[in-house]
Protein backbone atom coordinates (compact mmCIF):
# COMPACT_ATOMS: atom_id res chain seq x y z
CA MET A 1 0.00 0.00 0.00
CA ALA A 2 1.44 3.36 -1.05
CA ILE A 3 2.11 5.91 1.67
CA ARG A 4 -0.04 8.99 1.28
CA THR A 5 2.14 12.00 2.00
CA VAL A 6 1.07 15.51 2.97
CA PHE A 7 2.17 16.58 -0.52
CA VAL A 8 -0.25 14.15 -2.18
CA MET A 9 -3.01 15.28 0.16
CA SER A 10 -2.36 18.95 -0.57
CA GLU A 11 -2.36 18.39 -4.34
CA GLU A 12 -5.64 16.48 -4.15
CA CYS A 13 -7.22 19.11 -1.91
CA SER A 14 -6.12 21.87 -4.30
CA ARG A 15 -8.08 20.07 -7.03
CA GLY A 16 -11.09 19.48 -4.78
CA GLU A 17 -10.64 15.72 -4.78
CA PRO A 18 -12.57 13.96 -1.97
CA GLU A 19 -9.76 11.58 -1.00
CA GLY A 20 -7.42 14.44 -0.14
CA TRP A 21 -10.08 16.27 1.84
CA LEU A 22 -10.93 13.10 3.73
CA GLN A 23 -7.30 12.84 4.83
CA PHE A 24 -7.15 16.54 5.72
CA VAL A 25 -10.28 16.44 7.87
CA ARG A 26 -9.42 13.11 9.51
CA ASP A 27 -5.79 13.95 10.30
CA TYR A 28 -5.93 17.64 11.19
CA THR A 29 -9.24 18.33 12.94
CA TRP A 30 -7.74 17.40 16.32
CA LEU A 31 -4.87 19.81 15.78
CA VAL A 32 -7.21 22.65 14.75
CA ARG A 33 -9.19 21.99 17.91
CA GLN A 34 -6.09 22.17 20.12
CA LEU A 35 -5.11 25.55 18.67
CA LEU A 36 -8.59 27.02 19.05
CA GLU A 37 -8.94 25.80 22.62
CA ARG A 38 -5.58 27.21 23.69
CA TYR A 39 -5.50 30.55 21.88
CA PHE A 40 -9.18 31.37 21.34
CA PRO A 41 -10.97 29.79 24.33
CA THR A 42 -14.06 32.01 23.97
CA LEU A 43 -14.92 29.96 20.87
CA ALA A 44 -15.01 26.67 22.81
CA PRO A 45 -18.80 26.56 23.39
CA GLU A 46 -19.34 26.32 19.62
CA MET A 47 -16.15 24.50 18.75
CA LYS A 48 -17.53 22.31 15.96
CA ILE A 49 -18.98 25.34 14.17
CA HIS A 50 -15.62 27.08 14.23
CA GLU A 51 -13.70 23.97 13.19
CA LEU A 52 -15.98 23.63 10.17
CA ALA A 53 -15.55 27.33 9.34
CA ILE A 54 -11.77 26.88 9.17
CA PHE A 55 -12.06 23.93 6.79
CA GLN A 56 -14.55 25.91 4.73
CA ARG A 57 -12.00 28.72 4.43
CA ALA A 58 -9.45 26.28 3.07
CA ARG A 59 -12.10 24.99 0.66
CA ALA A 60 -13.35 28.46 -0.45
CA ASN A 61 -12.73 29.89 -3.93
CA GLN A 62 -12.05 26.48 -5.42
CA ASN A 63 -9.63 25.38 -2.70
CA GLU A 64 -7.63 28.60 -2.94
CA TRP A 65 -5.79 28.14 0.35
CA PHE A 66 -4.26 24.87 -0.82
CA ARG A 67 -3.40 26.34 -4.21
CA LYS A 68 -1.49 29.20 -2.59
CA ILE A 69 0.43 27.59 0.27
CA SER A 70 3.99 26.40 -0.20
CA PHE A 71 5.89 24.05 2.10
CA SER A 72 8.91 21.76 2.07
CA ASN A 73 7.81 19.27 4.72
CA GLU A 74 4.89 18.47 6.97
CA ARG A 75 6.15 20.73 9.75
CA GLU A 76 6.01 23.72 7.42
CA PHE A 77 2.52 22.63 6.36
CA LEU A 78 1.51 22.61 10.03
CA MET A 79 2.76 26.17 10.41
CA ALA A 80 0.68 27.23 7.40
CA LEU A 81 -2.35 25.54 8.96
CA ARG A 82 -1.61 27.29 12.24
CA GLU A 83 -1.64 30.63 10.41
CA LEU A 84 -5.02 29.76 8.86
CA VAL A 85 -6.44 28.99 12.31
CA PHE A 86 -5.01 32.16 13.84
CA THR A 87 -6.29 34.36 11.02
CA TYR A 88 -9.79 32.99 11.56
CA GLY A 89 -9.62 33.11 15.36
CA ARG A 90 -8.45 36.71 15.41
CA GLU A 91 -11.40 37.75 13.28
CA VAL A 92 -14.15 36.06 15.27
CA ALA A 93 -12.95 35.73 18.88
CA ARG A 94 -13.09 38.49 21.49
CA VAL A 95 -9.78 40.18 22.17
CA PRO A 96 -8.74 39.85 25.83
CA VAL A 97 -7.59 42.94 27.71
CA PRO A 98 -3.85 42.39 28.23
CA GLN A 99 -2.16 43.08 31.53
CA LEU A 100 1.35 43.11 30.06
CA SER A 101 3.01 44.85 27.13
CA LEU A 102 5.80 43.38 25.03
CA GLU A 103 8.17 45.96 26.52
CA GLN A 104 7.33 44.74 30.03
CA VAL A 105 7.93 41.15 28.97
CA GLY A 106 11.32 42.29 27.67
CA VAL A 107 12.15 43.66 31.12
CA ILE A 108 11.08 40.38 32.75
CA MET A 109 13.27 38.44 30.29
CA LYS A 110 16.30 40.62 30.98
CA ASP A 111 19.47 38.48 31.39
CA LEU A 112 17.59 35.21 30.69
CA ASN A 113 19.32 32.98 28.16
CA VAL A 114 17.59 31.88 24.96
CA LEU A 115 16.26 28.59 26.37
CA GLU A 116 14.84 30.36 29.42
CA ARG A 117 13.18 32.96 27.16
CA GLU A 118 11.65 30.21 25.05
CA MET A 119 10.29 28.51 28.17
CA LEU A 120 8.88 31.76 29.51
CA TRP A 121 7.17 32.41 26.18
CA MET A 122 5.58 28.97 26.42
CA PHE A 123 4.35 29.84 29.92
CA ILE A 124 2.80 32.98 28.45
CA LYS A 125 1.00 30.75 25.96
CA GLY A 126 -0.55 28.89 28.87
CA TYR A 127 1.58 25.76 29.07
CA SER A 128 2.62 24.23 32.38
CA ALA A 129 6.17 23.11 33.20
CA GLN A 130 5.10 19.49 32.71
CA GLN A 131 3.74 20.31 29.24
CA ILE A 132 6.73 22.42 28.24
CA ALA A 133 9.27 19.70 29.05
CA PRO A 134 8.31 17.28 26.22
CA ILE A 135 7.74 20.11 23.74
CA MET A 136 11.21 21.55 24.30
CA LEU A 137 12.86 18.23 25.16
CA ASN A 138 14.08 19.59 28.47
CA ALA A 139 13.53 18.97 32.16
CA SER A 140 10.33 20.27 33.74
CA ALA A 141 12.44 21.40 36.71
CA THR A 142 14.18 23.89 34.43
CA ALA A 143 10.86 25.25 33.26
CA GLU A 144 9.61 25.53 36.85
CA ALA A 145 12.71 27.50 37.83
CA VAL A 146 12.14 29.90 34.93
CA LYS A 147 8.50 30.35 35.93
CA LYS A 148 9.52 31.18 39.50
CA ILE A 149 11.92 33.88 38.28
CA ALA A 150 9.29 35.27 35.91
CA ASP A 151 6.61 35.43 38.61
CA GLU A 152 8.95 37.28 40.96
CA ARG A 153 9.85 39.80 38.28
CA LEU A 154 6.23 40.20 37.22
CA ILE A 155 5.33 41.50 40.67
CA LYS A 156 8.08 44.12 40.40
CA VAL A 157 7.19 45.17 36.85
CA LEU A 158 3.44 45.12 37.37
CA PRO A 159 2.48 45.34 41.06
CA GLY A 160 -0.99 44.00 41.76
CA SER A 161 -1.12 41.90 38.61
CA SER A 162 -3.22 38.72 38.67
CA PRO A 163 -1.52 35.28 38.82
CA ASP A 164 -2.57 34.57 35.23
CA ALA A 165 -1.40 37.92 33.83
CA PHE A 166 0.96 36.17 31.43
CA ASN A 167 -1.68 33.96 29.84
CA ILE A 168 -4.35 36.69 29.76
CA SER A 169 -1.94 38.78 27.73
CA ALA A 170 -0.80 35.93 25.46
CA ARG A 171 -2.90 36.62 22.38
CA VAL A 172 -2.06 40.31 22.24
CA LEU A 173 1.62 39.66 22.97
CA VAL A 174 1.82 37.13 20.13
CA GLU A 175 0.32 39.66 17.71
CA GLN A 176 2.74 42.33 18.89
CA ALA A 177 5.63 39.90 18.47
CA GLU A 178 4.60 39.20 14.88
CA ARG A 179 4.78 42.91 14.10
CA ALA A 180 8.48 42.82 15.09
CA ARG A 181 9.25 40.75 11.98
CA SER A 182 12.18 41.93 9.88
CA GLU A 183 14.22 40.80 6.88
CA GLN A 184 16.71 39.26 9.30
CA CYS A 185 14.13 36.85 10.74
CA LEU A 186 14.91 33.17 10.39
CA PRO A 187 13.22 30.84 7.87
CA LEU A 188 11.32 27.76 9.02
CA LYS A 189 14.05 25.62 7.47
CA THR A 190 16.48 26.88 10.12
CA PHE A 191 14.10 25.89 12.92
CA ASN A 192 13.66 22.47 11.36
CA ASN A 193 17.43 21.96 11.06
CA ILE A 194 17.98 22.92 14.70
CA ILE A 195 15.32 20.50 15.93
CA ASN A 196 16.66 17.71 13.71
CA GLY A 197 20.24 18.34 14.82
CA GLN A 198 21.24 19.20 11.24
CA ALA A 199 22.52 22.72 11.97
CA SER A 200 26.23 23.23 12.54
CA TRP A 201 27.40 24.54 15.90
CA ARG A 202 28.00 27.99 14.36
CA GLU A 203 24.66 28.07 12.57
CA ARG A 204 22.84 27.16 15.77
CA GLU A 205 24.75 29.78 17.76
CA LEU A 206 23.86 32.54 15.28
CA ALA A 207 20.22 31.42 15.17
CA GLU A 208 19.93 31.41 18.96
CA GLN A 209 21.50 34.86 19.18
CA HIS A 210 18.83 36.15 16.82
CA ILE A 211 15.97 34.33 18.58
CA LYS A 212 17.09 35.76 21.91
CA ASP A 213 16.74 39.34 20.66
CA CYS A 214 13.75 38.92 18.31
CA PHE A 215 10.26 38.47 19.71
CA ASN A 216 8.92 37.40 16.32
CA CYS A 217 11.38 34.54 15.98
CA LEU A 218 10.99 33.65 19.65
CA ASP A 219 7.28 33.22 19.00
CA ARG A 220 7.72 31.38 15.68
CA TYR A 221 10.39 29.01 16.97
CA THR A 222 8.35 28.03 20.02
CA ALA A 223 5.28 27.70 17.76
CA PHE A 224 7.30 25.42 15.47
CA GLN A 225 8.25 23.25 18.44
CA GLU A 226 4.63 23.27 19.57
CA MET A 227 3.41 22.04 16.18
CA VAL A 228 6.06 19.30 16.11
CA ARG A 229 4.72 18.07 19.44
CA PHE A 230 1.13 18.21 18.20
CA SER A 231 2.10 16.04 15.24
CA ARG A 232 3.59 13.47 17.62
CA ASP A 233 0.50 13.52 19.84
CA PHE A 234 -1.81 13.17 16.82
CA GLN A 235 -5.31 11.84 17.45
CA SER A 236 -7.76 11.01 14.68
CA ILE A 237 -11.43 11.89 15.05
CA PRO A 238 -14.33 9.39 14.87
CA GLU A 239 -15.36 8.21 11.40
CA GLU A 240 -18.89 9.56 11.92
CA GLU A 241 -17.51 13.02 12.57
CA VAL A 242 -15.31 12.80 9.47
CA SER A 243 -18.25 11.83 7.26
CA THR A 244 -20.38 14.67 8.61
CA ARG A 245 -17.63 17.21 8.02
CA ILE A 246 -16.96 15.92 4.50
CA ARG A 247 -20.62 16.32 3.53
CA GLN A 248 -20.64 19.86 4.92
CA LEU A 249 -17.77 20.82 2.62
CA ASN A 250 -19.85 20.17 -0.52
CA LEU A 251 -17.24 18.05 -2.23
CA PRO A 252 -17.99 16.15 -5.43
CA ALA A 253 -19.08 12.55 -4.90
CA PRO A 254 -16.30 9.97 -5.21
CA LYS A 255 -16.27 7.74 -8.27
CA SER A 256 -16.11 4.44 -6.40
CA LYS A 257 -17.89 2.87 -3.43
CA SER A 258 -14.74 2.52 -1.35
CA VAL A 259 -14.45 3.58 2.30
CA LEU A 260 -14.60 7.12 0.99
CA GLY A 261 -17.78 6.35 -0.92
CA ARG A 262 -19.40 4.94 2.18
CA LEU A 263 -18.54 8.07 4.11
CA PHE A 264 -20.28 10.19 1.51
CA SER A 265 -23.36 8.00 1.39
CA ARG A 266 -24.12 8.17 5.09
CA ALA A 267 -27.02 10.35 6.10
């Protein structure tokens, strides 16, 4: 049996072929749900509606999203999907009132090394030390130590702030970080090489120096690590849910009565 790659799926989806869309819905609904729950929690009560809306955006204008995206591997595809989810979520979800500015976060991060800054940024995104450890392939004790330092500095920078000031501010801080993007920012290929251990010592050193001083790359690199972890924790959704979602996307009927055909024929 031939292995169906993300490239085959993307090509089929770009042509509106049901088999590709079946794979997309089956394999990536769980991931879409994780992103919405973490970054746009106000949408949770109507989660299935918003999940469908994201797939419909990818399907709109004759599958325009798939025809426009470009990626070299599945991790880069996941980052493109993440951007699709974030674009939608930012349009429809309420914007929280932040307690922290990016400048204040910079003060809190003063003299932290690049790993500690990455961990703190993951705390801002709402992850616990136990969740950060497998994402960043590091000890949870290290993450806990960083969180303790950050909490102590938060009180000094913002007296009277609530215990969840970091997470409340996360969405706005991420958007502010994205606006710090410059021509010097690192490509996704660099992140992938670092994670795979394919970057030379000098290349990694230069990349980490940039990440340390660039909020945009700090956010993108931790997001890249986050998506890698999501792909490892992958969970498929029930067949009944897949068939319902496929029908809602108004795809052409498949030519054969295979598993795909049975999914389409269910009421």
